[in-house]
């Protein structure tokens, strides 16, 4: 009887492991599509009143038009006049909004289109104990200490700034882009970060650390 219960339990859990990720994925897609529909709703309503298009067809058409608009804007900002106008708009208006610069840099990093202003990635002991947090080194000072930015997950555009002694900051050979993706994914993919940290710790260990003491 016990074996039968365990058998059916394992089958049930196996089904959940298949269905639940798919359901969550579909839920997220539906949520994103709902957000997009809210944004494009004024355009969709306009199309539905001015043409025979209805419902999803109008939504799809508006999304296609938005994609085309992205291409048009991309081509425009490559021209001298378009680049000048965008720079003017950004410097006079957009950069005055709090958080715009960080959001822009995060998007650029996620798409791999720009080198980060973060000098490198590190694991930091912000509590001066064994707890490690993912961080970006933003400055190194004359006394050897560091200033690091510790982003929050899954929103890397917010976080905290810490000024730490160099003993509590451990640079790791991992790209800013990979670390940013890990933060957006709530830590998924951090294994490479930890592995690089352990490699660095072993290489920096004294050569006779493992030798028995006499």
C-alpha atoms as a PDB file:
ATOM      1  CA  UNK A   1       0.000   0.000   0.000  1.00  0.00           C
ATOM      2  CA  UNK A   2       2.805   2.355   0.931  1.00  0.00           C
ATOM      3  CA  UNK A   3       4.609   1.637  -2.351  1.00  0.00           C
ATOM      4  CA  UNK A   4       1.408   2.335  -4.283  1.00  0.00           C
ATOM      5  CA  UNK A   5       0.969   5.683  -2.505  1.00  0.00           C
ATOM      6  CA  UNK A   6       4.592   6.624  -3.207  1.00  0.00           C
ATOM      7  CA  UNK A   7       4.130   5.576  -6.855  1.00  0.00           C
ATOM      8  CA  UNK A   8       1.029   7.729  -7.372  1.00  0.00           C
ATOM      9  CA  UNK A   9       2.655  10.576  -5.425  1.00  0.00           C
ATOM     10  CA  UNK A  10       5.733  10.520  -7.671  1.00  0.00           C
ATOM     11  CA  UNK A  11       3.515  10.481 -10.773  1.00  0.00           C
ATOM     12  CA  UNK A  12       1.466  13.401  -9.435  1.00  0.00           C
ATOM     13  CA  UNK A  13       4.582  15.439  -8.582  1.00  0.00           C
ATOM     14  CA  UNK A  14       6.051  14.605 -12.002  1.00  0.00           C
ATOM     15  CA  UNK A  15       2.895  15.952 -13.626  1.00  0.00           C
ATOM     16  CA  UNK A  16       3.110  19.130 -11.589  1.00  0.00           C
ATOM     17  CA  UNK A  17       6.754  19.604 -12.618  1.00  0.00           C
ATOM     18  CA  UNK A  18       5.664  19.469 -16.258  1.00  0.00           C
ATOM     19  CA  UNK A  19       2.435  21.456 -16.053  1.00  0.00           C
ATOM     20  CA  UNK A  20       3.345  24.175 -13.528  1.00  0.00           C
ATOM     21  CA  UNK A  21       6.325  25.697 -15.418  1.00  0.00           C
ATOM     22  CA  UNK A  22       4.279  25.693 -18.635  1.00  0.00           C
ATOM     23  CA  UNK A  23       1.307  27.272 -16.862  1.00  0.00           C
ATOM     24  CA  UNK A  24       3.494  29.959 -15.281  1.00  0.00           C
ATOM     25  CA  UNK A  25       5.118  30.648 -18.649  1.00  0.00           C
ATOM     26  CA  UNK A  26       1.706  31.025 -20.314  1.00  0.00           C
ATOM     27  CA  UNK A  27       0.533  33.209 -17.420  1.00  0.00           C
ATOM     28  CA  UNK A  28       3.539  35.514 -17.857  1.00  0.00           C
ATOM     29  CA  UNK A  29       2.962  35.679 -21.615  1.00  0.00           C
ATOM     30  CA  UNK A  30      -0.695  36.510 -21.024  1.00  0.00           C
ATOM     31  CA  UNK A  31       0.288  39.172 -18.479  1.00  0.00           C
ATOM     32  CA  UNK A  32       2.783  40.751 -20.893  1.00  0.00           C
ATOM     33  CA  UNK A  33       0.244  40.646 -23.719  1.00  0.00           C
ATOM     34  CA  UNK A  34      -2.306  42.291 -21.391  1.00  0.00           C
ATOM     35  CA  UNK A  35       0.137  45.112 -20.651  1.00  0.00           C
ATOM     36  CA  UNK A  36       0.825  45.568 -24.355  1.00  0.00           C
ATOM     37  CA  UNK A  37      -2.907  45.630 -25.097  1.00  0.00           C
ATOM     38  CA  UNK A  38      -3.432  48.353 -22.495  1.00  0.00           C
ATOM     39  CA  UNK A  39      -0.657  50.446 -24.031  1.00  0.00           C
ATOM     40  CA  UNK A  40      -1.918  50.036 -27.588  1.00  0.00           C
ATOM     41  CA  UNK A  41      -5.628  50.179 -26.683  1.00  0.00           C
ATOM     42  CA  UNK A  42      -6.093  53.787 -27.928  1.00  0.00           C
ATOM     43  CA  UNK A  43      -4.573  52.844 -31.305  1.00  0.00           C
ATOM     44  CA  UNK A  44      -6.623  49.631 -31.464  1.00  0.00           C
ATOM     45  CA  UNK A  45      -9.847  51.505 -30.681  1.00  0.00           C
ATOM     46  CA  UNK A  46      -9.039  54.028 -33.384  1.00  0.00           C
ATOM     47  CA  UNK A  47      -8.472  51.268 -35.953  1.00  0.00           C
ATOM     48  CA  UNK A  48     -11.681  49.468 -34.953  1.00  0.00           C
ATOM     49  CA  UNK A  49     -13.737  52.628 -35.402  1.00  0.00           C
ATOM     50  CA  UNK A  50     -12.123  53.608 -38.681  1.00  0.00           C
ATOM     51  CA  UNK A  51     -11.838  50.147 -40.298  1.00  0.00           C
ATOM     52  CA  UNK A  52     -13.576  46.754 -40.318  1.00  0.00           C
ATOM     53  CA  UNK A  53     -10.740  45.217 -38.261  1.00  0.00           C
ATOM     54  CA  UNK A  54     -11.846  43.795 -34.924  1.00  0.00           C
ATOM     55  CA  UNK A  55     -10.347  42.413 -31.701  1.00  0.00           C
ATOM     56  CA  UNK A  56      -7.102  40.426 -31.925  1.00  0.00           C
ATOM     57  CA  UNK A  57      -6.588  41.297 -35.597  1.00  0.00           C
ATOM     58  CA  UNK A  58      -6.488  44.992 -34.713  1.00  0.00           C
ATOM     59  CA  UNK A  59      -4.107  44.282 -31.797  1.00  0.00           C
ATOM     60  CA  UNK A  60      -1.744  42.304 -34.046  1.00  0.00           C
ATOM     61  CA  UNK A  61      -1.803  45.057 -36.655  1.00  0.00           C
ATOM     62  CA  UNK A  62      -0.956  47.690 -34.041  1.00  0.00           C
ATOM     63  CA  UNK A  63       1.927  45.540 -32.724  1.00  0.00           C
ATOM     64  CA  UNK A  64       3.251  45.190 -36.284  1.00  0.00           C
ATOM     65  CA  UNK A  65       3.009  48.960 -36.690  1.00  0.00           C
ATOM     66  CA  UNK A  66       4.926  49.450 -33.425  1.00  0.00           C
ATOM     67  CA  UNK A  67       7.669  47.086 -34.633  1.00  0.00           C
ATOM     68  CA  UNK A  68       7.858  49.046 -37.882  1.00  0.00           C
ATOM     69  CA  UNK A  69       8.039  52.261 -35.849  1.00  0.00           C
ATOM     70  CA  UNK A  70      11.034  50.854 -33.949  1.00  0.00           C
ATOM     71  CA  UNK A  71      12.782  50.182 -37.268  1.00  0.00           C
ATOM     72  CA  UNK A  72      11.975  53.694 -38.514  1.00  0.00           C
ATOM     73  CA  UNK A  73      13.284  55.292 -35.305  1.00  0.00           C
ATOM     74  CA  UNK A  74      16.393  53.073 -35.465  1.00  0.00           C
ATOM     75  CA  UNK A  75      17.112  54.225 -39.010  1.00  0.00           C
ATOM     76  CA  UNK A  76      16.396  57.862 -38.125  1.00  0.00           C
ATOM     77  CA  UNK A  77      18.808  58.046 -35.185  1.00  0.00           C
ATOM     78  CA  UNK A  78      21.566  56.766 -37.465  1.00  0.00           C
ATOM     79  CA  UNK A  79      21.332  59.948 -39.517  1.00  0.00           C
ATOM     80  CA  UNK A  80      23.134  63.111 -38.443  1.00  0.00           C
ATOM     81  CA  UNK A  81      19.902  65.077 -37.985  1.00  0.00           C
ATOM     82  CA  UNK A  82      18.165  62.235 -36.136  1.00  0.00           C
ATOM     83  CA  UNK A  83      21.136  61.725 -33.823  1.00  0.00           C
ATOM     84  CA  UNK A  84      21.261  65.445 -33.057  1.00  0.00           C
ATOM     85  CA  UNK A  85      17.529  65.607 -32.320  1.00  0.00           C
ATOM     86  CA  UNK A  86      17.670  62.528 -30.042  1.00  0.00           C
ATOM     87  CA  UNK A  87      20.668  63.903 -28.145  1.00  0.00           C
ATOM     88  CA  UNK A  88      18.834  67.197 -27.659  1.00  0.00           C
ATOM     89  CA  UNK A  89      15.663  65.439 -26.469  1.00  0.00           C
ATOM     90  CA  UNK A  90      17.622  63.228 -24.087  1.00  0.00           C
ATOM     91  CA  UNK A  91      19.773  65.981 -22.574  1.00  0.00           C
ATOM     92  CA  UNK A  92      16.943  68.526 -22.230  1.00  0.00           C
ATOM     93  CA  UNK A  93      14.092  66.249 -21.081  1.00  0.00           C
ATOM     94  CA  UNK A  94      14.718  62.518 -20.562  1.00  0.00           C
ATOM     95  CA  UNK A  95      17.860  62.745 -18.410  1.00  0.00           C
ATOM     96  CA  UNK A  96      16.016  65.022 -15.989  1.00  0.00           C
ATOM     97  CA  UNK A  97      13.718  62.141 -14.980  1.00  0.00           C
ATOM     98  CA  UNK A  98      15.068  60.140 -11.993  1.00  0.00           C
ATOM     99  CA  UNK A  99      16.137  56.629 -12.930  1.00  0.00           C
ATOM    100  CA  UNK A 100      16.191  57.179 -16.702  1.00  0.00           C
ATOM    101  CA  UNK A 101      19.983  56.831 -16.990  1.00  0.00           C
ATOM    102  CA  UNK A 102      20.070  53.604 -14.991  1.00  0.00           C
ATOM    103  CA  UNK A 103      17.131  52.122 -16.912  1.00  0.00           C
ATOM    104  CA  UNK A 104      18.782  53.014 -20.203  1.00  0.00           C
ATOM    105  CA  UNK A 105      22.080  51.453 -19.172  1.00  0.00           C
ATOM    106  CA  UNK A 106      20.325  48.308 -17.949  1.00  0.00           C
ATOM    107  CA  UNK A 107      18.532  47.889 -21.286  1.00  0.00           C
ATOM    108  CA  UNK A 108      21.779  48.461 -23.184  1.00  0.00           C
ATOM    109  CA  UNK A 109      23.569  45.912 -21.014  1.00  0.00           C
ATOM    110  CA  UNK A 110      20.820  43.342 -21.379  1.00  0.00           C
ATOM    111  CA  UNK A 111      20.947  43.691 -25.165  1.00  0.00           C
ATOM    112  CA  UNK A 112      24.758  43.753 -25.157  1.00  0.00           C
ATOM    113  CA  UNK A 113      24.858  47.060 -27.053  1.00  0.00           C
ATOM    114  CA  UNK A 114      27.078  49.116 -24.808  1.00  0.00           C
ATOM    115  CA  UNK A 115      30.036  48.703 -22.526  1.00  0.00           C
ATOM    116  CA  UNK A 116      28.983  49.232 -18.947  1.00  0.00           C
ATOM    117  CA  UNK A 117      30.164  52.042 -16.727  1.00  0.00           C
ATOM    118  CA  UNK A 118      30.586  49.328 -14.097  1.00  0.00           C
ATOM    119  CA  UNK A 119      34.280  48.475 -14.097  1.00  0.00           C
ATOM    120  CA  UNK A 120      33.805  44.831 -13.135  1.00  0.00           C
ATOM    121  CA  UNK A 121      31.694  42.265 -11.334  1.00  0.00           C
ATOM    122  CA  UNK A 122      32.370  41.214  -7.747  1.00  0.00           C
ATOM    123  CA  UNK A 123      30.998  39.230  -4.867  1.00  0.00           C
ATOM    124  CA  UNK A 124      30.889  41.517  -1.838  1.00  0.00           C
ATOM    125  CA  UNK A 125      30.647  40.823   1.888  1.00  0.00           C
ATOM    126  CA  UNK A 126      28.508  43.840   2.729  1.00  0.00           C
ATOM    127  CA  UNK A 127      27.832  42.548   6.245  1.00  0.00           C
ATOM    128  CA  UNK A 128      31.514  41.641   6.806  1.00  0.00           C
ATOM    129  CA  UNK A 129      30.598  37.991   7.356  1.00  0.00           C
ATOM    130  CA  UNK A 130      30.259  34.907   5.126  1.00  0.00           C
ATOM    131  CA  UNK A 131      27.238  36.304   3.260  1.00  0.00           C
ATOM    132  CA  UNK A 132      28.081  37.148  -0.370  1.00  0.00           C
ATOM    133  CA  UNK A 133      26.065  39.406  -2.672  1.00  0.00           C
ATOM    134  CA  UNK A 134      26.380  40.064  -6.397  1.00  0.00           C
ATOM    135  CA  UNK A 135      27.777  43.531  -6.961  1.00  0.00           C
ATOM    136  CA  UNK A 136      29.271  45.838  -9.564  1.00  0.00           C
ATOM    137  CA  UNK A 137      32.446  47.754  -8.789  1.00  0.00           C
ATOM    138  CA  UNK A 138      31.864  51.422  -9.599  1.00  0.00           C
ATOM    139  CA  UNK A 139      35.017  52.967  -8.162  1.00  0.00           C
ATOM    140  CA  UNK A 140      38.361  52.051  -6.638  1.00  0.00           C
ATOM    141  CA  UNK A 141      39.985  54.453  -4.198  1.00  0.00           C
ATOM    142  CA  UNK A 142      43.568  55.399  -3.418  1.00  0.00           C
ATOM    143  CA  UNK A 143      43.548  53.516  -0.117  1.00  0.00           C
ATOM    144  CA  UNK A 144      42.548  50.295  -1.914  1.00  0.00           C
ATOM    145  CA  UNK A 145      38.910  50.349  -0.835  1.00  0.00           C
ATOM    146  CA  UNK A 146      36.008  49.964  -3.277  1.00  0.00           C
ATOM    147  CA  UNK A 147      32.648  51.510  -3.974  1.00  0.00           C
ATOM    148  CA  UNK A 148      30.166  48.897  -5.181  1.00  0.00           C
ATOM    149  CA  UNK A 149      26.599  48.981  -6.410  1.00  0.00           C
ATOM    150  CA  UNK A 150      24.422  46.086  -5.232  1.00  0.00           C
ATOM    151  CA  UNK A 151      21.289  45.840  -7.407  1.00  0.00           C
ATOM    152  CA  UNK A 152      18.000  44.326  -6.325  1.00  0.00           C
ATOM    153  CA  UNK A 153      16.408  41.379  -8.140  1.00  0.00           C
ATOM    154  CA  UNK A 154      14.633  41.154 -10.482  1.00  0.00           C
ATOM    155  CA  UNK A 155      14.864  44.934 -10.960  1.00  0.00           C
ATOM    156  CA  UNK A 156      18.548  45.855 -11.388  1.00  0.00           C
ATOM    157  CA  UNK A 157      17.719  49.543 -11.862  1.00  0.00           C
ATOM    158  CA  UNK A 158      17.433  49.951  -8.096  1.00  0.00           C
ATOM    159  CA  UNK A 159      19.871  48.984  -5.363  1.00  0.00           C
ATOM    160  CA  UNK A 160      22.295  50.269  -2.771  1.00  0.00           C
ATOM    161  CA  UNK A 161      25.803  51.735  -2.798  1.00  0.00           C
ATOM    162  CA  UNK A 162      28.420  50.444  -0.366  1.00  0.00           C
ATOM    163  CA  UNK A 163      31.949  51.628   0.415  1.00  0.00           C
ATOM    164  CA  UNK A 164      33.934  48.602   1.518  1.00  0.00           C
ATOM    165  CA  UNK A 165      37.465  47.652   2.499  1.00  0.00           C
ATOM    166  CA  UNK A 166      39.159  45.664  -0.254  1.00  0.00           C
ATOM    167  CA  UNK A 167      39.137  42.534   1.933  1.00  0.00           C
ATOM    168  CA  UNK A 168      35.361  42.413   1.576  1.00  0.00           C
ATOM    169  CA  UNK A 169      35.226  42.829  -2.214  1.00  0.00           C
ATOM    170  CA  UNK A 170      36.135  39.889  -4.447  1.00  0.00           C
ATOM    171  CA  UNK A 171      36.283  40.694  -8.198  1.00  0.00           C
ATOM    172  CA  UNK A 172      35.285  37.768 -10.424  1.00  0.00           C
ATOM    173  CA  UNK A 173      35.978  37.157 -14.098  1.00  0.00           C
ATOM    174  CA  UNK A 174      32.344  37.230 -15.259  1.00  0.00           C
ATOM    175  CA  UNK A 175      30.896  39.719 -17.744  1.00  0.00           C
ATOM    176  CA  UNK A 176      28.563  42.490 -16.615  1.00  0.00           C
ATOM    177  CA  UNK A 177      25.988  41.316 -19.175  1.00  0.00           C
ATOM    178  CA  UNK A 178      25.858  37.759 -17.776  1.00  0.00           C
ATOM    179  CA  UNK A 179      25.587  39.058 -14.219  1.00  0.00           C
ATOM    180  CA  UNK A 180      22.815  41.466 -15.193  1.00  0.00           C
ATOM    181  CA  UNK A 181      20.855  38.610 -16.782  1.00  0.00           C
ATOM    182  CA  UNK A 182      21.326  36.569 -13.610  1.00  0.00           C
ATOM    183  CA  UNK A 183      19.946  39.405 -11.487  1.00  0.00           C
ATOM    184  CA  UNK A 184      16.935  39.849 -13.758  1.00  0.00           C
ATOM    185  CA  UNK A 185      16.379  36.078 -13.489  1.00  0.00           C
ATOM    186  CA  UNK A 186      16.428  36.289  -9.655  1.00  0.00           C
ATOM    187  CA  UNK A 187      19.784  34.533  -9.371  1.00  0.00           C
ATOM    188  CA  UNK A 188      19.397  31.882 -12.061  1.00  0.00           C
ATOM    189  CA  UNK A 189      22.779  31.320 -13.691  1.00  0.00           C
ATOM    190  CA  UNK A 190      24.788  32.358 -10.625  1.00  0.00           C
ATOM    191  CA  UNK A 191      26.727  29.081 -10.652  1.00  0.00           C
ATOM    192  CA  UNK A 192      29.366  30.544 -12.986  1.00  0.00           C
ATOM    193  CA  UNK A 193      29.753  33.535 -10.671  1.00  0.00           C
ATOM    194  CA  UNK A 194      30.314  31.287  -7.661  1.00  0.00           C
ATOM    195  CA  UNK A 195      32.659  28.989  -9.592  1.00  0.00           C
ATOM    196  CA  UNK A 196      34.831  31.917 -10.683  1.00  0.00           C
ATOM    197  CA  UNK A 197      34.903  33.212  -7.115  1.00  0.00           C
ATOM    198  CA  UNK A 198      36.071  29.821  -5.816  1.00  0.00           C
ATOM    199  CA  UNK A 199      38.725  29.613  -8.543  1.00  0.00           C
ATOM    200  CA  UNK A 200      40.036  33.018  -7.497  1.00  0.00           C
ATOM    201  CA  UNK A 201      40.003  32.057  -3.816  1.00  0.00           C
ATOM    202  CA  UNK A 202      42.025  28.904  -4.499  1.00  0.00           C
ATOM    203  CA  UNK A 203      44.534  30.707  -6.702  1.00  0.00           C
ATOM    204  CA  UNK A 204      45.036  33.417  -4.071  1.00  0.00           C
ATOM    205  CA  UNK A 205      45.507  30.916  -1.247  1.00  0.00           C
ATOM    206  CA  UNK A 206      49.043  30.568   0.171  1.00  0.00           C
ATOM    207  CA  UNK A 207      51.056  27.833  -1.529  1.00  0.00           C
ATOM    208  CA  UNK A 208      51.692  26.031   1.758  1.00  0.00           C
ATOM    209  CA  UNK A 209      48.124  26.341   3.051  1.00  0.00           C
ATOM    210  CA  UNK A 210      47.496  22.622   2.629  1.00  0.00           C
ATOM    211  CA  UNK A 211      50.796  21.468   4.075  1.00  0.00           C
ATOM    212  CA  UNK A 212      50.580  19.853   7.518  1.00  0.00           C
ATOM    213  CA  UNK A 213      52.071  21.880  10.351  1.00  0.00           C
ATOM    214  CA  UNK A 214      54.919  20.261  12.269  1.00  0.00           C
END
